[in-house]
N, C-alpha and C. Protein backbone atom coordinates (compact mmCIF):
# COMPACT_ATOMS: atom_id res chain seq x y z
N MET A 1 127.85 101.11 79.71
CA MET A 1 127.57 101.77 78.44
C MET A 1 127.60 100.75 77.29
N LEU A 2 128.53 99.84 77.34
CA LEU A 2 128.64 98.85 76.28
C LEU A 2 127.43 97.92 76.26
N ILE A 3 126.90 97.59 77.42
CA ILE A 3 125.73 96.70 77.48
C ILE A 3 124.52 97.37 76.86
N ARG A 4 124.33 98.67 77.12
CA ARG A 4 123.21 99.40 76.50
C ARG A 4 123.34 99.42 74.99
N GLU A 5 124.55 99.60 74.49
CA GLU A 5 124.76 99.63 73.04
C GLU A 5 124.51 98.25 72.42
N ILE A 6 124.90 97.21 73.10
CA ILE A 6 124.64 95.86 72.59
C ILE A 6 123.15 95.56 72.59
N LEU A 7 122.44 95.94 73.66
CA LEU A 7 120.99 95.74 73.70
C LEU A 7 120.28 96.57 72.63
N ALA A 8 120.77 97.78 72.38
CA ALA A 8 120.20 98.61 71.32
C ALA A 8 120.44 97.96 69.96
N LEU A 9 121.61 97.41 69.76
CA LEU A 9 121.91 96.73 68.50
C LEU A 9 121.00 95.52 68.31
N ILE A 10 120.73 94.79 69.38
CA ILE A 10 119.81 93.65 69.30
C ILE A 10 118.40 94.14 68.95
N ALA A 11 117.99 95.25 69.54
CA ALA A 11 116.66 95.80 69.23
C ALA A 11 116.59 96.24 67.77
N PHE A 12 117.63 96.88 67.27
CA PHE A 12 117.64 97.31 65.86
C PHE A 12 117.68 96.11 64.92
N ALA A 13 118.42 95.08 65.29
CA ALA A 13 118.48 93.87 64.45
C ALA A 13 117.12 93.18 64.42
N SER A 14 116.44 93.11 65.57
CA SER A 14 115.11 92.49 65.57
C SER A 14 114.13 93.34 64.78
N ALA A 15 114.29 94.66 64.81
CA ALA A 15 113.44 95.53 63.99
C ALA A 15 113.64 95.23 62.50
N THR A 16 114.86 94.99 62.12
CA THR A 16 115.14 94.66 60.72
C THR A 16 114.50 93.33 60.34
N VAL A 17 114.61 92.34 61.21
CA VAL A 17 114.01 91.03 60.93
C VAL A 17 112.49 91.15 60.81
N PHE A 18 111.86 91.85 61.76
CA PHE A 18 110.41 92.01 61.70
C PHE A 18 109.98 92.81 60.48
N GLY A 19 110.74 93.83 60.13
CA GLY A 19 110.42 94.62 58.95
C GLY A 19 110.50 93.81 57.67
N ILE A 20 111.53 93.00 57.55
CA ILE A 20 111.66 92.15 56.36
C ILE A 20 110.55 91.09 56.33
N GLY A 21 110.22 90.55 57.50
CA GLY A 21 109.11 89.59 57.57
C GLY A 21 107.79 90.20 57.13
N GLY A 22 107.52 91.42 57.57
CA GLY A 22 106.31 92.11 57.14
C GLY A 22 106.30 92.40 55.66
N LEU A 23 107.44 92.77 55.12
CA LEU A 23 107.54 93.04 53.69
C LEU A 23 107.31 91.78 52.88
N ILE A 24 107.86 90.67 53.32
CA ILE A 24 107.63 89.40 52.63
C ILE A 24 106.15 89.03 52.69
N GLY A 25 105.53 89.24 53.85
CA GLY A 25 104.11 88.95 54.00
C GLY A 25 103.24 89.80 53.09
N LEU A 26 103.65 91.03 52.85
CA LEU A 26 102.88 91.89 51.95
C LEU A 26 102.84 91.33 50.53
N PHE A 27 103.89 90.65 50.12
CA PHE A 27 103.93 90.11 48.77
C PHE A 27 103.44 88.67 48.68
N ARG A 28 103.48 87.93 49.77
CA ARG A 28 103.14 86.51 49.72
C ARG A 28 101.67 86.20 49.97
N PHE A 29 101.00 86.97 50.81
CA PHE A 29 99.63 86.64 51.16
C PHE A 29 98.66 87.03 50.05
N PRO A 30 97.55 86.28 49.92
CA PRO A 30 96.69 86.42 48.76
C PRO A 30 95.66 87.56 48.83
N ASP A 31 95.19 87.94 50.01
CA ASP A 31 94.12 88.92 50.06
C ASP A 31 94.54 90.13 50.90
N PRO A 32 93.81 91.24 50.75
CA PRO A 32 94.18 92.46 51.48
C PRO A 32 94.14 92.31 53.00
N TYR A 33 93.26 91.47 53.52
CA TYR A 33 93.16 91.30 54.97
C TYR A 33 94.41 90.64 55.53
N SER A 34 94.88 89.60 54.88
CA SER A 34 96.10 88.93 55.32
C SER A 34 97.31 89.83 55.16
N ARG A 35 97.35 90.56 54.07
CA ARG A 35 98.46 91.48 53.84
C ARG A 35 98.49 92.57 54.89
N MET A 36 97.31 93.06 55.22
CA MET A 36 97.23 94.12 56.22
C MET A 36 97.67 93.60 57.60
N GLN A 37 97.28 92.38 57.92
CA GLN A 37 97.67 91.80 59.20
C GLN A 37 99.18 91.62 59.26
N SER A 38 99.76 91.12 58.19
CA SER A 38 101.20 90.91 58.16
C SER A 38 101.95 92.23 58.25
N GLY A 39 101.55 93.17 57.43
CA GLY A 39 102.23 94.46 57.44
C GLY A 39 102.03 95.21 58.73
N GLY A 40 100.83 95.16 59.27
CA GLY A 40 100.55 95.88 60.50
C GLY A 40 101.26 95.30 61.70
N LEU A 41 101.20 93.99 61.85
CA LEU A 41 101.82 93.35 63.01
C LEU A 41 103.34 93.47 62.95
N CYS A 42 103.92 93.10 61.83
CA CYS A 42 105.38 93.17 61.72
C CYS A 42 105.87 94.61 61.69
N GLY A 43 105.12 95.48 61.03
CA GLY A 43 105.52 96.88 61.00
C GLY A 43 105.48 97.52 62.36
N THR A 44 104.44 97.23 63.12
CA THR A 44 104.34 97.77 64.48
C THR A 44 105.46 97.23 65.36
N THR A 45 105.73 95.96 65.25
CA THR A 45 106.81 95.36 66.04
C THR A 45 108.16 95.93 65.65
N ALA A 46 108.37 96.13 64.35
CA ALA A 46 109.64 96.68 63.88
C ALA A 46 109.83 98.11 64.39
N ILE A 47 108.80 98.92 64.29
CA ILE A 47 108.93 100.31 64.73
C ILE A 47 109.08 100.38 66.25
N PHE A 48 108.33 99.53 66.95
CA PHE A 48 108.44 99.53 68.41
C PHE A 48 109.84 99.09 68.83
N SER A 49 110.41 98.11 68.14
CA SER A 49 111.78 97.67 68.45
C SER A 49 112.79 98.80 68.18
N THR A 50 112.55 99.56 67.13
CA THR A 50 113.41 100.71 66.84
C THR A 50 113.32 101.74 67.94
N PHE A 51 112.10 101.98 68.43
CA PHE A 51 111.93 102.93 69.53
C PHE A 51 112.64 102.43 70.79
N VAL A 52 112.57 101.14 71.07
CA VAL A 52 113.25 100.59 72.24
C VAL A 52 114.77 100.77 72.10
N GLY A 53 115.29 100.53 70.90
CA GLY A 53 116.71 100.75 70.67
C GLY A 53 117.10 102.21 70.85
N ALA A 54 116.27 103.11 70.35
CA ALA A 54 116.54 104.54 70.53
C ALA A 54 116.43 104.93 72.00
N LEU A 55 115.50 104.33 72.69
CA LEU A 55 115.33 104.61 74.12
C LEU A 55 116.57 104.17 74.91
N LEU A 56 117.14 103.05 74.53
CA LEU A 56 118.35 102.58 75.20
C LEU A 56 119.55 103.49 74.94
N LEU A 57 119.54 104.17 73.80
CA LEU A 57 120.66 105.04 73.46
C LEU A 57 120.41 106.51 73.80
N ALA A 58 119.28 106.81 74.40
CA ALA A 58 118.93 108.20 74.71
C ALA A 58 119.96 108.80 75.68
N PRO A 59 120.53 109.95 75.33
CA PRO A 59 121.57 110.52 76.18
C PRO A 59 121.04 111.21 77.44
N THR A 60 119.81 111.70 77.39
CA THR A 60 119.25 112.39 78.56
C THR A 60 117.86 111.84 78.87
N VAL A 61 117.39 112.16 80.06
CA VAL A 61 116.07 111.73 80.48
C VAL A 61 114.99 112.43 79.66
N MET A 62 115.20 113.68 79.31
CA MET A 62 114.21 114.42 78.52
C MET A 62 114.00 113.80 77.14
N ILE A 63 115.07 113.38 76.52
CA ILE A 63 114.95 112.73 75.22
C ILE A 63 114.26 111.38 75.38
N ALA A 64 114.58 110.66 76.44
CA ALA A 64 113.92 109.38 76.70
C ALA A 64 112.43 109.57 76.92
N LEU A 65 112.03 110.62 77.63
CA LEU A 65 110.60 110.89 77.82
C LEU A 65 109.91 111.23 76.50
N ARG A 66 110.59 111.94 75.64
CA ARG A 66 110.02 112.24 74.32
C ARG A 66 109.82 110.96 73.51
N ILE A 67 110.78 110.08 73.57
CA ILE A 67 110.65 108.81 72.85
C ILE A 67 109.48 108.00 73.42
N ILE A 68 109.31 108.00 74.73
CA ILE A 68 108.21 107.27 75.36
C ILE A 68 106.87 107.87 74.93
N ILE A 69 106.79 109.19 74.85
CA ILE A 69 105.55 109.83 74.39
C ILE A 69 105.25 109.44 72.94
N ILE A 70 106.26 109.41 72.10
CA ILE A 70 106.06 108.99 70.71
C ILE A 70 105.62 107.54 70.65
N MET A 71 106.20 106.69 71.51
CA MET A 71 105.80 105.28 71.55
C MET A 71 104.33 105.13 71.93
N ILE A 72 103.90 105.89 72.93
CA ILE A 72 102.49 105.82 73.35
C ILE A 72 101.58 106.29 72.23
N PHE A 73 101.95 107.39 71.57
CA PHE A 73 101.16 107.87 70.44
C PHE A 73 101.08 106.83 69.34
N PHE A 74 102.21 106.20 69.05
CA PHE A 74 102.23 105.19 68.00
C PHE A 74 101.37 103.98 68.37
N LEU A 75 101.44 103.55 69.62
CA LEU A 75 100.65 102.39 70.05
C LEU A 75 99.15 102.68 70.02
N ILE A 76 98.77 103.94 70.09
CA ILE A 76 97.35 104.30 69.97
C ILE A 76 96.95 104.48 68.51
N SER A 77 97.80 105.12 67.73
CA SER A 77 97.41 105.47 66.36
C SER A 77 97.54 104.33 65.36
N ALA A 78 98.48 103.42 65.54
CA ALA A 78 98.67 102.34 64.57
C ALA A 78 97.47 101.40 64.48
N PRO A 79 96.91 100.91 65.59
CA PRO A 79 95.73 100.06 65.47
C PRO A 79 94.51 100.83 64.94
N THR A 80 94.43 102.11 65.28
CA THR A 80 93.31 102.90 64.78
C THR A 80 93.39 103.04 63.26
N GLY A 81 94.57 103.30 62.75
CA GLY A 81 94.75 103.38 61.30
C GLY A 81 94.48 102.05 60.62
N GLY A 82 94.92 100.96 61.23
CA GLY A 82 94.65 99.64 60.67
C GLY A 82 93.16 99.33 60.63
N TYR A 83 92.45 99.73 61.68
CA TYR A 83 91.01 99.52 61.71
C TYR A 83 90.32 100.31 60.60
N ILE A 84 90.74 101.54 60.38
CA ILE A 84 90.13 102.37 59.34
C ILE A 84 90.35 101.74 57.97
N VAL A 85 91.55 101.27 57.72
CA VAL A 85 91.85 100.64 56.42
C VAL A 85 91.05 99.34 56.26
N ALA A 86 90.99 98.52 57.30
CA ALA A 86 90.24 97.26 57.22
C ALA A 86 88.75 97.53 56.99
N ARG A 87 88.22 98.52 57.64
CA ARG A 87 86.81 98.86 57.44
C ARG A 87 86.55 99.33 56.01
N PHE A 88 87.46 100.13 55.47
CA PHE A 88 87.32 100.57 54.08
C PHE A 88 87.36 99.39 53.12
N ILE A 89 88.28 98.45 53.36
CA ILE A 89 88.36 97.26 52.50
C ILE A 89 87.07 96.46 52.59
N TRP A 90 86.55 96.29 53.79
CA TRP A 90 85.31 95.52 53.98
C TRP A 90 84.13 96.21 53.30
N GLN A 91 84.03 97.52 53.44
CA GLN A 91 82.92 98.26 52.85
C GLN A 91 83.02 98.35 51.33
N SER A 92 84.21 98.15 50.79
CA SER A 92 84.35 98.16 49.34
C SER A 92 83.89 96.85 48.71
N GLY A 93 83.58 95.86 49.55
CA GLY A 93 83.03 94.59 49.05
C GLY A 93 84.07 93.53 48.78
N THR A 94 85.29 93.72 49.21
CA THR A 94 86.33 92.73 49.00
C THR A 94 86.12 91.56 49.97
N ALA A 95 85.94 90.39 49.41
CA ALA A 95 85.72 89.21 50.24
C ALA A 95 87.05 88.63 50.69
N PRO A 96 87.10 88.04 51.89
CA PRO A 96 88.33 87.38 52.33
C PRO A 96 88.64 86.18 51.42
N TRP A 97 89.91 85.87 51.33
CA TRP A 97 90.37 84.77 50.49
C TRP A 97 89.94 83.45 51.09
N SER A 98 89.57 82.52 50.24
CA SER A 98 89.28 81.16 50.68
C SER A 98 89.86 80.19 49.67
N PRO A 99 90.40 79.07 50.13
CA PRO A 99 90.98 78.10 49.19
C PRO A 99 89.90 77.50 48.31
N LYS A 100 90.26 77.25 47.07
CA LYS A 100 89.27 76.71 46.11
C LYS A 100 89.55 75.28 45.78
């Protein structure tokens, strides 16, 4: 039981690190495409790490199956949402950043 709790704590800590990294990327990068990549990649990793931590702490198999279903839904919907936002940015005429 203690090993599962330690592994869950590691997963939650990595989620925090990835979340802070994504947040920093949202403010540091110059164009919407880079910001979206930073936020999407780190955000997805942070949420997935949180799900893994919750999965490790699940008290029953039924709750673990529910978490797995949510993880699958998230892994399908997050890239789809990112694609929709990127396409909207591209169609609005925003050019990618280039050094001058």
